[in-house]
Amino acid sequence: MRLTVAIALASLIISTQIGTAADLPTKAPPLAPVAAPTWTGFYVGLNAGYMWASRDISSAGTPGPCDPTLIGCTSTPNYSTLSAIGSTFSVPVDLKGFIGGGQIGYNWQFTNWVAGLEADFQGIGHHDQSGSFFTVVPQPAFPAFPLDSAATVSRSIDYLGTVRGRLGWLATPTLLLYGTGGLAYGKVSLSTSIVQGQACIGCFFGVPSSAGSASKTLAGWTLGGGLEWMFAPHWTVKGEYLYYDLGELTVNTLLLGFEPTGVVQSSFAQTTTRFNGSIARAGINYKF
């Protein structure tokens, strides 16, 4: 009798334990590790920003021939020298405005470093800027008849492109800090117009004047840096600063003054400016 009770009691305990174990939740399988993002690969994108440059347009005048039969050409300074003095000036002309375009590139990631090559091309809004200059040049031999000289100058950048290397360090797997530098190129233009005259009735039938312009594609260099954030597996956004220097452009012009006998005075004007400045822009890329 006691043995029967013991066996029944043991069976009850075992069945209770089995039922409790069946009610326990099963352990889920471990999750697969999340792959770290990679920066290696081709990408294309768009950019937009602002460019600014503060630079003078300078003109240097040089005296030319002066008719020795004219009293104004035998005085010191003579008419040609006065014309050259009036053609020597410097005018600050800022270049600034919206800049926007696209880029294409390739990155190689090795551990926490990313190296790459990028080319971009941008159009520029409000790219044509001008300035003016006016001066009165005294004539000691004829104090009542000074030379008036007025000039208008302008410069522009039609487009700007770069081909640059990039090298950066990953502060986090998705945040890249980088430096960049390489070739910069762009189409630039420079123009000048100079008109001179004397407050003298009958001094000249034609006042000394000149006008000229030049347009050219210049190549130089650029240097800068920025940061880029990978916010999705195939998408990044960036902020970037670049300094560029395309070099100088020069326009040469000739000023001539006439009387009935022909040319009586002349001077040469060489107008020059440098095309360099800064760009701050943001961009978005899609990585293949």
C-alpha atoms as a PDB file:
ATOM      1  CA  MET A   1       0.000   0.000   0.000  1.00  0.00           C
ATOM      2  CA  ARG A   2       2.753   2.434   0.929  1.00  0.00           C
ATOM      3  CA  LEU A   3       4.711   1.488  -2.193  1.00  0.00           C
ATOM      4  CA  THR A   4       1.700   2.226  -4.390  1.00  0.00           C
ATOM      5  CA  VAL A   5       1.244   5.697  -2.813  1.00  0.00           C
ATOM      6  CA  ALA A   6       4.947   6.506  -3.290  1.00  0.00           C
ATOM      7  CA  ILE A   7       4.871   5.521  -6.949  1.00  0.00           C
ATOM      8  CA  ALA A   8       1.772   7.626  -7.567  1.00  0.00           C
ATOM      9  CA  LEU A   9       3.306  10.633  -5.805  1.00  0.00           C
ATOM     10  CA  ALA A  10       6.519  10.383  -7.837  1.00  0.00           C
ATOM     11  CA  SER A  11       4.557  10.179 -11.083  1.00  0.00           C
ATOM     12  CA  LEU A  12       2.639  13.347 -10.155  1.00  0.00           C
ATOM     13  CA  ILE A  13       5.845  15.291  -9.430  1.00  0.00           C
ATOM     14  CA  ILE A  14       7.479  14.220 -12.697  1.00  0.00           C
ATOM     15  CA  SER A  15       4.422  15.102 -14.785  1.00  0.00           C
ATOM     16  CA  THR A  16       4.227  18.533 -13.098  1.00  0.00           C
ATOM     17  CA  GLN A  17       7.897  19.294 -13.885  1.00  0.00           C
ATOM     18  CA  ILE A  18       7.433  18.239 -17.488  1.00  0.00           C
ATOM     19  CA  GLY A  19       4.397  20.492 -17.857  1.00  0.00           C
ATOM     20  CA  THR A  20       6.237  23.480 -16.322  1.00  0.00           C
ATOM     21  CA  ALA A  21       9.216  23.006 -18.630  1.00  0.00           C
ATOM     22  CA  ALA A  22       6.902  22.881 -21.633  1.00  0.00           C
ATOM     23  CA  ASP A  23       5.487  26.271 -20.643  1.00  0.00           C
ATOM     24  CA  LEU A  24       8.960  27.983 -20.643  1.00  0.00           C
ATOM     25  CA  PRO A  25       9.778  30.141 -23.732  1.00  0.00           C
ATOM     26  CA  THR A  26      12.266  28.676 -26.167  1.00  0.00           C
ATOM     27  CA  LYS A  27      15.573  30.561 -26.709  1.00  0.00           C
ATOM     28  CA  ALA A  28      15.761  32.464 -30.064  1.00  0.00           C
ATOM     29  CA  PRO A  29      18.699  31.761 -32.366  1.00  0.00           C
ATOM     30  CA  PRO A  30      21.487  34.435 -32.287  1.00  0.00           C
ATOM     31  CA  LEU A  31      21.153  37.360 -34.729  1.00  0.00           C
ATOM     32  CA  ALA A  32      23.567  37.556 -37.648  1.00  0.00           C
ATOM     33  CA  PRO A  33      26.183  40.354 -37.217  1.00  0.00           C
ATOM     34  CA  VAL A  34      25.421  43.635 -39.054  1.00  0.00           C
ATOM     35  CA  ALA A  35      27.991  44.300 -41.796  1.00  0.00           C
ATOM     36  CA  ALA A  36      29.949  47.566 -41.438  1.00  0.00           C
ATOM     37  CA  PRO A  37      29.246  50.097 -44.226  1.00  0.00           C
ATOM     38  CA  THR A  38      31.842  50.283 -46.989  1.00  0.00           C
ATOM     39  CA  TRP A  39      32.960  53.435 -48.800  1.00  0.00           C
ATOM     40  CA  THR A  40      34.603  51.594 -51.688  1.00  0.00           C
ATOM     41  CA  GLY A  41      32.975  52.120 -55.079  1.00  0.00           C
ATOM     42  CA  PHE A  42      31.840  54.596 -57.729  1.00  0.00           C
ATOM     43  CA  TYR A  43      29.489  57.460 -56.905  1.00  0.00           C
ATOM     44  CA  VAL A  44      27.723  60.357 -58.645  1.00  0.00           C
ATOM     45  CA  GLY A  45      26.055  63.387 -57.153  1.00  0.00           C
ATOM     46  CA  LEU A  46      24.981  67.019 -57.206  1.00  0.00           C
ATOM     47  CA  ASN A  47      26.316  70.080 -55.391  1.00  0.00           C
ATOM     48  CA  ALA A  48      25.316  73.684 -54.776  1.00  0.00           C
ATOM     49  CA  GLY A  49      26.825  76.555 -52.835  1.00  0.00           C
ATOM     50  CA  TYR A  50      28.334  80.039 -52.908  1.00  0.00           C
ATOM     51  CA  MET A  51      31.568  81.427 -54.340  1.00  0.00           C
ATOM     52  CA  TRP A  52      33.297  84.694 -53.520  1.00  0.00           C
ATOM     53  CA  ALA A  53      36.504  86.479 -54.540  1.00  0.00           C
ATOM     54  CA  SER A  54      37.862  89.951 -53.850  1.00  0.00           C
ATOM     55  CA  ARG A  55      40.506  91.030 -56.317  1.00  0.00           C
ATOM     56  CA  ASP A  56      41.642  94.238 -58.034  1.00  0.00           C
ATOM     57  CA  ILE A  57      41.657  94.880 -61.762  1.00  0.00           C
ATOM     58  CA  SER A  58      44.852  96.849 -62.382  1.00  0.00           C
ATOM     59  CA  SER A  59      45.958  98.876 -65.376  1.00  0.00           C
ATOM     60  CA  ALA A  60      49.497 100.086 -66.094  1.00  0.00           C
ATOM     61  CA  GLY A  61      49.975 102.881 -68.651  1.00  0.00           C
ATOM     62  CA  THR A  62      53.105 103.409 -70.763  1.00  0.00           C
ATOM     63  CA  PRO A  63      53.741 106.590 -72.853  1.00  0.00           C
ATOM     64  CA  GLY A  64      53.841 106.225 -76.641  1.00  0.00           C
ATOM     65  CA  PRO A  65      54.957 108.561 -79.437  1.00  0.00           C
ATOM     66  CA  CYS A  66      53.959 112.239 -79.257  1.00  0.00           C
ATOM     67  CA  ASP A  67      54.050 114.694 -82.198  1.00  0.00           C
ATOM     68  CA  PRO A  68      57.105 116.931 -81.562  1.00  0.00           C
ATOM     69  CA  THR A  69      55.572 119.779 -83.583  1.00  0.00           C
ATOM     70  CA  LEU A  70      52.813 120.155 -80.968  1.00  0.00           C
ATOM     71  CA  ILE A  71      53.604 122.320 -77.954  1.00  0.00           C
ATOM     72  CA  GLY A  72      51.886 119.834 -75.661  1.00  0.00           C
ATOM     73  CA  CYS A  73      54.370 117.190 -76.731  1.00  0.00           C
ATOM     74  CA  THR A  74      57.415 119.335 -75.899  1.00  0.00           C
ATOM     75  CA  SER A  75      56.265 120.163 -72.369  1.00  0.00           C
ATOM     76  CA  THR A  76      57.126 118.049 -69.324  1.00  0.00           C
ATOM     77  CA  PRO A  77      55.195 115.873 -68.815  1.00  0.00           C
ATOM     78  CA  ASN A  78      53.958 115.714 -72.407  1.00  0.00           C
ATOM     79  CA  TYR A  79      50.532 114.670 -73.663  1.00  0.00           C
ATOM     80  CA  SER A  80      51.514 111.002 -74.039  1.00  0.00           C
ATOM     81  CA  THR A  81      52.888 110.854 -70.509  1.00  0.00           C
ATOM     82  CA  LEU A  82      49.687 112.412 -69.146  1.00  0.00           C
ATOM     83  CA  SER A  83      47.666 109.789 -71.028  1.00  0.00           C
ATOM     84  CA  ALA A  84      49.789 106.997 -69.518  1.00  0.00           C
ATOM     85  CA  ILE A  85      49.336 108.419 -66.017  1.00  0.00           C
ATOM     86  CA  GLY A  86      45.574 108.532 -66.555  1.00  0.00           C
ATOM     87  CA  SER A  87      45.648 104.884 -67.700  1.00  0.00           C
ATOM     88  CA  THR A  88      47.322 103.670 -64.507  1.00  0.00           C
ATOM     89  CA  PHE A  89      44.846 102.632 -61.831  1.00  0.00           C
ATOM     90  CA  SER A  90      43.571  99.772 -59.671  1.00  0.00           C
ATOM     91  CA  VAL A  91      39.869  99.023 -59.104  1.00  0.00           C
ATOM     92  CA  PRO A  92      38.527  96.413 -56.627  1.00  0.00           C
ATOM     93  CA  VAL A  93      36.010  94.155 -58.359  1.00  0.00           C
ATOM     94  CA  ASP A  94      34.386  91.353 -56.355  1.00  0.00           C
ATOM     95  CA  LEU A  95      33.206  88.122 -57.933  1.00  0.00           C
ATOM     96  CA  LYS A  96      30.455  86.367 -55.989  1.00  0.00           C
ATOM     97  CA  GLY A  97      27.319  84.367 -56.532  1.00  0.00           C
ATOM     98  CA  PHE A  98      25.598  80.976 -56.630  1.00  0.00           C
ATOM     99  CA  ILE A  99      27.542  77.975 -57.897  1.00  0.00           C
ATOM    100  CA  GLY A 100      26.107  74.559 -58.666  1.00  0.00           C
ATOM    101  CA  GLY A 101      26.762  71.419 -60.669  1.00  0.00           C
ATOM    102  CA  GLY A 102      27.616  67.744 -60.385  1.00  0.00           C
ATOM    103  CA  GLN A 103      30.430  65.381 -59.459  1.00  0.00           C
ATOM    104  CA  ILE A 104      31.586  61.838 -60.114  1.00  0.00           C
ATOM    105  CA  GLY A 105      34.223  59.848 -58.275  1.00  0.00           C
ATOM    106  CA  TYR A 106      35.578  56.629 -56.841  1.00  0.00           C
ATOM    107  CA  ASN A 107      36.620  55.719 -53.276  1.00  0.00           C
ATOM    108  CA  TRP A 108      38.917  53.030 -51.902  1.00  0.00           C
ATOM    109  CA  GLN A 109      38.505  52.173 -48.202  1.00  0.00           C
ATOM    110  CA  PHE A 110      41.350  50.542 -46.271  1.00  0.00           C
ATOM    111  CA  THR A 111      40.724  50.085 -42.520  1.00  0.00           C
ATOM    112  CA  ASN A 112      39.794  53.557 -41.181  1.00  0.00           C
ATOM    113  CA  TRP A 113      41.151  55.458 -44.185  1.00  0.00           C
ATOM    114  CA  VAL A 114      39.457  56.378 -47.466  1.00  0.00           C
ATOM    115  CA  ALA A 115      41.296  57.531 -50.602  1.00  0.00           C
ATOM    116  CA  GLY A 116      39.556  58.683 -53.739  1.00  0.00           C
ATOM    117  CA  LEU A 117      39.477  60.637 -56.978  1.00  0.00           C
ATOM    118  CA  GLU A 118      36.719  63.136 -57.816  1.00  0.00           C
ATOM    119  CA  ALA A 119      35.891  65.350 -60.815  1.00  0.00           C
ATOM    120  CA  ASP A 120      33.236  68.072 -60.779  1.00  0.00           C
ATOM    121  CA  PHE A 121      31.846  70.796 -63.042  1.00  0.00           C
ATOM    122  CA  GLN A 122      29.863  73.896 -61.968  1.00  0.00           C
ATOM    123  CA  GLY A 123      28.031  76.772 -63.565  1.00  0.00           C
ATOM    124  CA  ILE A 124      28.144  80.173 -61.849  1.00  0.00           C
ATOM    125  CA  GLY A 125      25.326  82.685 -61.381  1.00  0.00           C
ATOM    126  CA  HIS A 126      25.938  86.485 -61.332  1.00  0.00           C
ATOM    127  CA  HIS A 127      29.416  85.782 -62.657  1.00  0.00           C
ATOM    128  CA  ASP A 128      29.999  89.164 -64.385  1.00  0.00           C
ATOM    129  CA  GLN A 129      31.125  92.042 -62.140  1.00  0.00           C
ATOM    130  CA  SER A 130      32.400  95.496 -63.092  1.00  0.00           C
ATOM    131  CA  GLY A 131      33.978  98.614 -61.608  1.00  0.00           C
ATOM    132  CA  SER A 132      34.852 102.146 -62.671  1.00  0.00           C
ATOM    133  CA  PHE A 133      37.619 104.685 -62.193  1.00  0.00           C
ATOM    134  CA  PHE A 134      37.955 108.443 -62.782  1.00  0.00           C
ATOM    135  CA  THR A 135      40.895 110.762 -62.270  1.00  0.00           C
ATOM    136  CA  VAL A 136      42.084 114.244 -63.204  1.00  0.00           C
ATOM    137  CA  VAL A 137      45.763 114.468 -64.190  1.00  0.00           C
ATOM    138  CA  PRO A 138      47.218 118.001 -63.793  1.00  0.00           C
ATOM    139  CA  GLN A 139      49.410 119.540 -66.499  1.00  0.00           C
ATOM    140  CA  PRO A 140      51.945 121.898 -64.843  1.00  0.00           C
ATOM    141  CA  ALA A 141      52.733 123.634 -68.155  1.00  0.00           C
ATOM    142  CA  PHE A 142      49.023 124.306 -68.776  1.00  0.00           C
ATOM    143  CA  PRO A 143      47.287 124.375 -65.336  1.00  0.00           C
ATOM    144  CA  ALA A 144      43.939 125.322 -66.878  1.00  0.00           C
ATOM    145  CA  PHE A 145      43.897 122.215 -69.095  1.00  0.00           C
ATOM    146  CA  PRO A 146      44.249 119.021 -66.995  1.00  0.00           C
ATOM    147  CA  LEU A 147      43.600 115.589 -68.464  1.00  0.00           C
ATOM    148  CA  ASP A 148      40.393 113.780 -67.477  1.00  0.00           C
ATOM    149  CA  SER A 149      40.520 109.966 -67.610  1.00  0.00           C
ATOM    150  CA  ALA A 150      37.576 107.595 -67.074  1.00  0.00           C
ATOM    151  CA  ALA A 151      37.690 103.793 -67.195  1.00  0.00           C
ATOM    152  CA  THR A 152      35.234 100.925 -66.912  1.00  0.00           C
ATOM    153  CA  VAL A 153      36.505  97.404 -66.306  1.00  0.00           C
ATOM    154  CA  SER A 154      34.789  94.048 -65.785  1.00  0.00           C
ATOM    155  CA  ARG A 155      35.656  90.405 -65.244  1.00  0.00           C
ATOM    156  CA  SER A 156      33.725  87.147 -65.154  1.00  0.00           C
ATOM    157  CA  ILE A 157      33.947  83.375 -64.673  1.00  0.00           C
ATOM    158  CA  ASP A 158      31.539  81.403 -66.850  1.00  0.00           C
ATOM    159  CA  TYR A 159      32.186  77.961 -65.366  1.00  0.00           C
ATOM    160  CA  LEU A 160      34.576  76.177 -63.006  1.00  0.00           C
ATOM    161  CA  GLY A 161      35.680  72.555 -62.836  1.00  0.00           C
ATOM    162  CA  THR A 162      38.126  70.518 -60.768  1.00  0.00           C
ATOM    163  CA  VAL A 163      39.850  67.127 -60.829  1.00  0.00           C
ATOM    164  CA  ARG A 164      41.023  66.293 -57.293  1.00  0.00           C
ATOM    165  CA  GLY A 165      42.429  63.597 -55.128  1.00  0.00           C
ATOM    166  CA  ARG A 166      40.832  62.970 -51.717  1.00  0.00           C
ATOM    167  CA  LEU A 167      42.217  61.407 -48.546  1.00  0.00           C
ATOM    168  CA  GLY A 168      40.147  61.039 -45.399  1.00  0.00           C
ATOM    169  CA  TRP A 169      39.850  59.409 -41.996  1.00  0.00           C
ATOM    170  CA  LEU A 170      36.714  57.706 -40.674  1.00  0.00           C
ATOM    171  CA  ALA A 171      35.816  59.296 -37.332  1.00  0.00           C
ATOM    172  CA  THR A 172      32.996  56.723 -37.231  1.00  0.00           C
ATOM    173  CA  PRO A 173      32.108  54.027 -39.778  1.00  0.00           C
ATOM    174  CA  THR A 174      29.696  56.516 -41.389  1.00  0.00           C
ATOM    175  CA  LEU A 175      31.478  59.883 -40.914  1.00  0.00           C
ATOM    176  CA  LEU A 176      34.458  60.801 -43.122  1.00  0.00           C
ATOM    177  CA  LEU A 177      36.755  63.792 -42.531  1.00  0.00           C
ATOM    178  CA  TYR A 178      38.886  64.531 -45.611  1.00  0.00           C
ATOM    179  CA  GLY A 179      41.306  66.848 -47.365  1.00  0.00           C
ATOM    180  CA  THR A 180      41.321  67.372 -51.116  1.00  0.00           C
ATOM    181  CA  GLY A 181      43.391  69.077 -53.807  1.00  0.00           C
ATOM    182  CA  GLY A 182      44.342  69.033 -57.470  1.00  0.00           C
ATOM    183  CA  LEU A 183      43.591  70.708 -60.811  1.00  0.00           C
ATOM    184  CA  ALA A 184      41.145  73.591 -61.277  1.00  0.00           C
ATOM    185  CA  TYR A 185      40.073  75.091 -64.598  1.00  0.00           C
ATOM    186  CA  GLY A 186      37.532  77.619 -65.829  1.00  0.00           C
ATOM    187  CA  LYS A 187      36.533  79.963 -68.636  1.00  0.00           C
ATOM    188  CA  VAL A 188      37.247  83.573 -67.662  1.00  0.00           C
ATOM    189  CA  SER A 189      36.828  86.988 -69.318  1.00  0.00           C
ATOM    190  CA  LEU A 190      38.277  90.474 -68.817  1.00  0.00           C
ATOM    191  CA  SER A 191      37.336  93.735 -70.533  1.00  0.00           C
ATOM    192  CA  THR A 192      38.453  97.362 -70.267  1.00  0.00           C
ATOM    193  CA  SER A 193      37.368 100.705 -71.719  1.00  0.00           C
ATOM    194  CA  ILE A 194      39.301 103.972 -71.196  1.00  0.00           C
ATOM    195  CA  VAL A 195      38.249 107.422 -72.431  1.00  0.00           C
ATOM    196  CA  GLN A 196      40.350 110.571 -71.910  1.00  0.00           C
ATOM    197  CA  GLY A 197      39.927 114.254 -72.719  1.00  0.00           C
ATOM    198  CA  GLN A 198      41.120 117.755 -71.871  1.00  0.00           C
ATOM    199  CA  ALA A 199      39.078 120.789 -70.929  1.00  0.00           C
ATOM    200  CA  CYS A 200      40.539 122.669 -73.867  1.00  0.00           C
ATOM    201  CA  ILE A 201      38.574 123.980 -76.831  1.00  0.00           C
ATOM    202  CA  GLY A 202      40.254 122.870 -80.024  1.00  0.00           C
ATOM    203  CA  CYS A 203      42.897 120.753 -78.293  1.00  0.00           C
ATOM    204  CA  PHE A 204      41.811 117.550 -80.064  1.00  0.00           C
ATOM    205  CA  PHE A 205      39.256 116.567 -82.637  1.00  0.00           C
ATOM    206  CA  GLY A 206      39.397 113.037 -81.272  1.00  0.00           C
ATOM    207  CA  VAL A 207      39.920 112.219 -77.586  1.00  0.00           C
ATOM    208  CA  PRO A 208      42.320 109.415 -76.601  1.00  0.00           C
ATOM    209  CA  SER A 209      40.339 106.239 -75.993  1.00  0.00           C
ATOM    210  CA  SER A 210      40.717 102.483 -76.069  1.00  0.00           C
ATOM    211  CA  ALA A 211      38.694  99.350 -75.471  1.00  0.00           C
ATOM    212  CA  GLY A 212      39.628  95.697 -75.392  1.00  0.00           C
ATOM    213  CA  SER A 213      38.615  92.330 -74.033  1.00  0.00           C
ATOM    214  CA  ALA A 214      39.906  88.782 -73.710  1.00  0.00           C
ATOM    215  CA  SER A 215      38.297  85.429 -72.949  1.00  0.00           C
ATOM    216  CA  LYS A 216      40.244  82.278 -72.174  1.00  0.00           C
ATOM    217  CA  THR A 217      40.107  78.919 -70.409  1.00  0.00           C
ATOM    218  CA  LEU A 218      42.674  79.010 -67.599  1.00  0.00           C
ATOM    219  CA  ALA A 219      44.035  76.098 -65.578  1.00  0.00           C
ATOM    220  CA  GLY A 220      45.386  76.315 -62.040  1.00  0.00           C
ATOM    221  CA  TRP A 221      45.040  74.545 -58.714  1.00  0.00           C
ATOM    222  CA  THR A 222      42.612  74.029 -55.841  1.00  0.00           C
ATOM    223  CA  LEU A 223      42.898  72.924 -52.209  1.00  0.00           C
ATOM    224  CA  GLY A 224      40.329  72.335 -49.477  1.00  0.00           C
ATOM    225  CA  GLY A 225      38.555  69.898 -47.209  1.00  0.00           C
ATOM    226  CA  GLY A 226      35.250  68.774 -45.799  1.00  0.00           C
ATOM    227  CA  LEU A 227      33.204  66.090 -44.111  1.00  0.00           C
ATOM    228  CA  GLU A 228      30.883  63.452 -45.556  1.00  0.00           C
ATOM    229  CA  TRP A 229      28.186  61.411 -43.797  1.00  0.00           C
ATOM    230  CA  MET A 230      26.808  58.085 -45.026  1.00  0.00           C
ATOM    231  CA  PHE A 231      23.192  58.298 -43.821  1.00  0.00           C
ATOM    232  CA  ALA A 232      22.009  55.230 -45.775  1.00  0.00           C
ATOM    233  CA  PRO A 233      23.783  52.265 -47.400  1.00  0.00           C
ATOM    234  CA  HIS A 234      23.995  53.987 -50.818  1.00  0.00           C
ATOM    235  CA  TRP A 235      23.659  57.681 -49.909  1.00  0.00           C
ATOM    236  CA  THR A 236      26.009  60.317 -48.492  1.00  0.00           C
ATOM    237  CA  VAL A 237      25.825  64.060 -47.898  1.00  0.00           C
ATOM    238  CA  LYS A 238      28.827  66.383 -47.632  1.00  0.00           C
ATOM    239  CA  GLY A 239      29.907  69.908 -46.758  1.00  0.00           C
ATOM    240  CA  GLU A 240      33.043  71.232 -48.438  1.00  0.00           C
ATOM    241  CA  TYR A 241      35.319  74.284 -48.733  1.00  0.00           C
ATOM    242  CA  LEU A 242      37.664  74.868 -51.688  1.00  0.00           C
ATOM    243  CA  TYR A 243      40.173  77.610 -52.489  1.00  0.00           C
ATOM    244  CA  TYR A 244      41.033  77.924 -56.179  1.00  0.00           C
ATOM    245  CA  ASP A 245      43.609  79.892 -58.195  1.00  0.00           C
ATOM    246  CA  LEU A 246      43.355  79.960 -61.997  1.00  0.00           C
ATOM    247  CA  GLY A 247      46.101  82.523 -62.603  1.00  0.00           C
ATOM    248  CA  GLU A 248      46.017  85.873 -64.437  1.00  0.00           C
ATOM    249  CA  LEU A 249      44.458  87.284 -67.607  1.00  0.00           C
ATOM    250  CA  THR A 250      45.743  90.422 -69.382  1.00  0.00           C
ATOM    251  CA  VAL A 251      44.271  92.785 -71.992  1.00  0.00           C
ATOM    252  CA  ASN A 252      46.535  95.210 -73.935  1.00  0.00           C
ATOM    253  CA  THR A 253      45.039  98.364 -75.474  1.00  0.00           C
ATOM    254  CA  LEU A 254      46.293 101.450 -77.337  1.00  0.00           C
ATOM    255  CA  LEU A 255      45.069 105.010 -76.688  1.00  0.00           C
ATOM    256  CA  LEU A 256      45.377 107.540 -79.537  1.00  0.00           C
ATOM    257  CA  GLY A 257      44.717 111.315 -79.621  1.00  0.00           C
ATOM    258  CA  PHE A 258      44.202 113.117 -82.912  1.00  0.00           C
ATOM    259  CA  GLU A 259      44.425 116.572 -84.477  1.00  0.00           C
ATOM    260  CA  PRO A 260      43.845 117.447 -88.135  1.00  0.00           C
ATOM    261  CA  THR A 261      47.474 116.580 -88.893  1.00  0.00           C
ATOM    262  CA  GLY A 262      47.029 113.056 -87.550  1.00  0.00           C
ATOM    263  CA  VAL A 263      48.012 111.241 -84.389  1.00  0.00           C
ATOM    264  CA  VAL A 264      49.596 113.621 -81.890  1.00  0.00           C
ATOM    265  CA  GLN A 265      49.718 111.562 -78.717  1.00  0.00           C
ATOM    266  CA  SER A 266      49.532 107.900 -77.683  1.00  0.00           C
ATOM    267  CA  SER A 267      49.861 105.535 -74.750  1.00  0.00           C
ATOM    268  CA  PHE A 268      49.586 101.838 -74.055  1.00  0.00           C
ATOM    269  CA  ALA A 269      47.454 100.343 -71.265  1.00  0.00           C
ATOM    270  CA  GLN A 270      47.965  96.831 -69.891  1.00  0.00           C
ATOM    271  CA  THR A 271      44.987  95.678 -67.811  1.00  0.00           C
ATOM    272  CA  THR A 272      45.401  92.586 -65.615  1.00  0.00           C
ATOM    273  CA  THR A 273      43.468  90.661 -62.970  1.00  0.00           C
ATOM    274  CA  ARG A 274      43.850  87.374 -61.122  1.00  0.00           C
ATOM    275  CA  PHE A 275      41.077  84.789 -60.924  1.00  0.00           C
ATOM    276  CA  ASN A 276      41.174  83.191 -57.479  1.00  0.00           C
ATOM    277  CA  GLY A 277      38.721  82.829 -54.634  1.00  0.00           C
ATOM    278  CA  SER A 278      36.728  80.576 -52.318  1.00  0.00           C
ATOM    279  CA  ILE A 279      33.840  78.119 -52.627  1.00  0.00           C
ATOM    280  CA  ALA A 280      31.608  76.777 -49.841  1.00  0.00           C
ATOM    281  CA  ARG A 281      29.121  74.125 -50.930  1.00  0.00           C
ATOM    282  CA  ALA A 282      26.999  71.144 -49.941  1.00  0.00           C
ATOM    283  CA  GLY A 283      26.465  67.993 -51.962  1.00  0.00           C
ATOM    284  CA  ILE A 284      24.677  64.665 -52.088  1.00  0.00           C
ATOM    285  CA  ASN A 285      26.073  61.427 -53.603  1.00  0.00           C
ATOM    286  CA  TYR A 286      24.687  58.060 -54.607  1.00  0.00           C
ATOM    287  CA  LYS A 287      27.185  55.192 -54.256  1.00  0.00           C
ATOM    288  CA  PHE A 288      26.825  52.215 -56.581  1.00  0.00           C
END
